[in-house]
């Protein structure tokens, strides 16, 4: 999907700072690396650990972070 600058982009809900709500964010797309593939997702979920991070219940997570249920 072309972004505002004409380059490829993707969208994600991002936790930019602790205690803040998730923000709809346009991010630069990247090419898959060796052993990776690109899929088109219509929807995704988050695991409970992601919600602990968003809720500020885990010590010192690195932000910004895109909760995704995987490393």
N, C-alpha and C. Protein backbone atom coordinates (compact mmCIF):
# COMPACT_ATOMS: atom_id res chain seq x y z
N UNK A 1 0.85 -1.17 0.00
CA UNK A 1 0.00 0.00 0.00
C UNK A 1 0.89 1.23 0.00
N UNK A 2 0.73 2.12 -0.95
CA UNK A 2 1.57 3.32 -0.96
C UNK A 2 1.31 4.20 0.25
N UNK A 3 2.37 4.69 0.85
CA UNK A 3 2.25 5.60 1.98
C UNK A 3 2.19 7.04 1.50
N UNK A 4 2.29 7.95 2.43
CA UNK A 4 2.18 9.36 2.09
C UNK A 4 3.32 9.83 1.19
N UNK A 5 4.47 9.17 1.27
CA UNK A 5 5.62 9.58 0.47
C UNK A 5 5.73 8.76 -0.82
N UNK A 6 4.75 7.87 -1.10
CA UNK A 6 4.81 7.05 -2.29
C UNK A 6 5.58 5.76 -2.08
N UNK A 7 6.14 5.56 -0.91
CA UNK A 7 6.86 4.32 -0.61
C UNK A 7 5.89 3.32 0.01
N UNK A 8 6.31 2.08 0.09
CA UNK A 8 5.48 1.05 0.71
C UNK A 8 5.39 1.30 2.22
N UNK A 9 4.21 1.07 2.78
CA UNK A 9 4.03 1.26 4.21
C UNK A 9 3.06 0.22 4.75
N UNK A 10 3.03 0.11 6.04
CA UNK A 10 2.08 -0.76 6.72
C UNK A 10 1.55 -0.01 7.93
N UNK A 11 0.48 -0.52 8.51
CA UNK A 11 -0.13 0.12 9.68
C UNK A 11 -0.07 -0.82 10.87
N UNK A 12 0.10 -0.24 12.05
CA UNK A 12 0.15 -1.03 13.27
C UNK A 12 -0.35 -0.18 14.44
N UNK A 13 -0.85 -0.85 15.45
CA UNK A 13 -1.17 -0.19 16.71
C UNK A 13 0.11 -0.22 17.54
N UNK A 14 0.60 0.95 17.92
CA UNK A 14 1.91 1.07 18.55
C UNK A 14 1.79 1.67 19.94
N UNK A 15 2.50 1.07 20.89
CA UNK A 15 2.63 1.66 22.22
C UNK A 15 3.90 2.50 22.18
N UNK A 16 3.74 3.82 22.13
CA UNK A 16 4.88 4.71 21.97
C UNK A 16 5.51 5.12 23.29
N UNK A 17 4.72 5.14 24.36
CA UNK A 17 5.26 5.45 25.69
C UNK A 17 4.40 4.78 26.73
N UNK A 18 5.01 4.43 27.85
CA UNK A 18 4.30 3.73 28.91
C UNK A 18 3.17 4.59 29.45
N UNK A 19 2.04 3.97 29.70
CA UNK A 19 0.88 4.67 30.24
C UNK A 19 0.02 5.35 29.19
N UNK A 20 0.46 5.32 27.94
CA UNK A 20 -0.29 5.97 26.85
C UNK A 20 -1.17 4.93 26.15
N UNK A 21 -2.24 5.36 25.50
CA UNK A 21 -3.04 4.41 24.72
C UNK A 21 -2.28 4.01 23.46
N UNK A 22 -2.65 2.87 22.89
CA UNK A 22 -2.09 2.46 21.62
C UNK A 22 -2.45 3.48 20.55
N UNK A 23 -1.54 3.70 19.61
CA UNK A 23 -1.77 4.68 18.54
C UNK A 23 -1.71 3.99 17.18
N UNK A 24 -2.66 4.32 16.28
CA UNK A 24 -2.65 3.85 14.90
C UNK A 24 -1.46 4.53 14.22
N UNK A 25 -0.52 3.74 13.71
CA UNK A 25 0.73 4.27 13.21
C UNK A 25 1.03 3.75 11.81
N UNK A 26 1.48 4.61 10.94
CA UNK A 26 1.97 4.18 9.62
C UNK A 26 3.47 3.96 9.75
N UNK A 27 3.92 2.76 9.40
CA UNK A 27 5.33 2.39 9.51
C UNK A 27 5.88 2.06 8.13
N UNK A 28 7.18 2.26 7.92
CA UNK A 28 7.76 1.85 6.64
C UNK A 28 7.73 0.33 6.53
N UNK A 29 7.40 -0.13 5.35
CA UNK A 29 7.40 -1.57 5.09
C UNK A 29 8.84 -2.04 4.96
N UNK A 30 9.05 -3.31 5.12
CA UNK A 30 10.39 -3.86 4.91
C UNK A 30 10.26 -5.14 4.10
N UNK A 31 11.30 -5.46 3.40
CA UNK A 31 11.32 -6.69 2.62
C UNK A 31 11.58 -7.87 3.54
N UNK A 32 10.92 -9.01 3.29
CA UNK A 32 11.19 -10.20 4.11
C UNK A 32 12.66 -10.62 3.97
N UNK A 33 13.22 -11.08 5.07
CA UNK A 33 14.59 -11.59 5.07
C UNK A 33 14.63 -13.07 4.74
N UNK A 34 15.81 -13.67 4.75
CA UNK A 34 15.94 -15.10 4.48
C UNK A 34 15.08 -15.92 5.45
N UNK A 35 14.32 -16.86 4.93
CA UNK A 35 13.47 -17.70 5.76
C UNK A 35 12.18 -17.04 6.21
N UNK A 36 11.91 -15.80 5.78
CA UNK A 36 10.68 -15.09 6.11
C UNK A 36 9.78 -15.00 4.89
N UNK A 37 8.51 -14.74 5.11
CA UNK A 37 7.59 -14.50 4.01
C UNK A 37 6.63 -13.40 4.39
N UNK A 38 6.02 -12.81 3.39
CA UNK A 38 5.06 -11.73 3.61
C UNK A 38 3.66 -12.30 3.47
N UNK A 39 2.79 -11.94 4.40
CA UNK A 39 1.38 -12.32 4.32
C UNK A 39 0.53 -11.06 4.42
N UNK A 40 -0.67 -11.14 3.91
CA UNK A 40 -1.61 -10.04 4.07
C UNK A 40 -2.58 -10.45 5.17
N UNK A 41 -2.62 -9.69 6.25
CA UNK A 41 -3.48 -10.00 7.39
C UNK A 41 -4.66 -9.05 7.41
N UNK A 42 -5.85 -9.61 7.53
CA UNK A 42 -7.05 -8.78 7.64
C UNK A 42 -7.28 -8.37 9.10
N UNK A 43 -6.80 -9.17 10.02
CA UNK A 43 -6.95 -8.89 11.45
C UNK A 43 -5.91 -9.70 12.21
N UNK A 44 -5.60 -9.28 13.41
CA UNK A 44 -4.69 -10.06 14.26
C UNK A 44 -5.09 -9.84 15.71
N UNK A 45 -4.56 -10.65 16.57
CA UNK A 45 -4.85 -10.54 17.99
C UNK A 45 -3.59 -10.30 18.77
N UNK A 46 -3.75 -10.11 20.04
CA UNK A 46 -2.60 -9.96 20.93
C UNK A 46 -2.73 -10.98 22.05
N UNK A 47 -1.60 -11.36 22.61
CA UNK A 47 -1.64 -12.31 23.72
C UNK A 47 -1.73 -11.54 25.04
N UNK A 48 -1.99 -12.24 26.09
CA UNK A 48 -2.16 -11.60 27.40
C UNK A 48 -0.88 -10.88 27.84
N UNK A 49 0.28 -11.44 27.47
CA UNK A 49 1.54 -10.77 27.82
C UNK A 49 1.61 -9.38 27.19
N UNK A 50 1.16 -9.26 25.94
CA UNK A 50 1.11 -7.94 25.30
C UNK A 50 0.23 -6.99 26.10
N UNK A 51 -0.89 -7.47 26.57
CA UNK A 51 -1.79 -6.61 27.35
C UNK A 51 -1.17 -6.21 28.68
N UNK A 52 -0.37 -7.10 29.29
CA UNK A 52 0.35 -6.74 30.51
C UNK A 52 1.31 -5.58 30.22
N UNK A 53 1.98 -5.62 29.07
CA UNK A 53 2.89 -4.54 28.69
C UNK A 53 2.10 -3.24 28.52
N UNK A 54 1.02 -3.30 27.74
CA UNK A 54 0.20 -2.10 27.48
C UNK A 54 -0.36 -1.54 28.79
N UNK A 55 -0.76 -2.43 29.70
CA UNK A 55 -1.33 -1.99 30.98
C UNK A 55 -0.28 -1.55 31.98
N UNK A 56 1.02 -1.65 31.62
CA UNK A 56 2.09 -1.22 32.52
C UNK A 56 2.36 -2.18 33.66
N UNK A 57 2.02 -3.45 33.48
CA UNK A 57 2.17 -4.44 34.54
C UNK A 57 3.48 -5.22 34.47
N UNK A 58 4.28 -5.00 33.45
CA UNK A 58 5.59 -5.65 33.34
C UNK A 58 6.67 -4.60 33.48
N UNK A 59 7.77 -4.96 34.13
CA UNK A 59 8.81 -3.96 34.39
C UNK A 59 9.59 -3.57 33.13
N UNK A 60 9.69 -2.27 32.90
CA UNK A 60 10.58 -1.65 31.93
C UNK A 60 10.60 -2.26 30.53
N UNK A 61 9.46 -2.36 29.86
CA UNK A 61 9.50 -2.82 28.47
C UNK A 61 10.13 -1.75 27.59
N UNK A 62 10.75 -2.17 26.49
CA UNK A 62 11.31 -1.20 25.55
C UNK A 62 10.19 -0.67 24.67
N UNK A 63 10.08 0.63 24.58
CA UNK A 63 9.08 1.25 23.72
C UNK A 63 9.82 2.13 22.71
N UNK A 64 9.30 2.33 21.52
CA UNK A 64 7.98 1.89 21.08
C UNK A 64 7.95 0.39 20.81
N UNK A 65 6.76 -0.18 20.92
CA UNK A 65 6.55 -1.60 20.68
C UNK A 65 5.21 -1.79 19.95
N UNK A 66 5.18 -2.75 19.06
CA UNK A 66 3.95 -3.14 18.38
C UNK A 66 3.54 -4.47 19.00
N UNK A 67 2.51 -4.49 19.85
CA UNK A 67 2.08 -5.75 20.44
C UNK A 67 1.68 -6.74 19.34
N UNK A 68 2.26 -7.92 19.37
CA UNK A 68 1.98 -8.85 18.29
C UNK A 68 1.94 -10.30 18.73
N UNK A 69 2.24 -10.61 19.97
CA UNK A 69 2.18 -12.00 20.43
C UNK A 69 3.35 -12.85 20.04
N UNK A 70 4.37 -12.25 19.42
CA UNK A 70 5.58 -13.02 19.08
C UNK A 70 6.78 -12.11 19.14
N UNK A 71 7.98 -12.71 19.29
CA UNK A 71 9.20 -11.89 19.39
C UNK A 71 9.53 -11.16 18.12
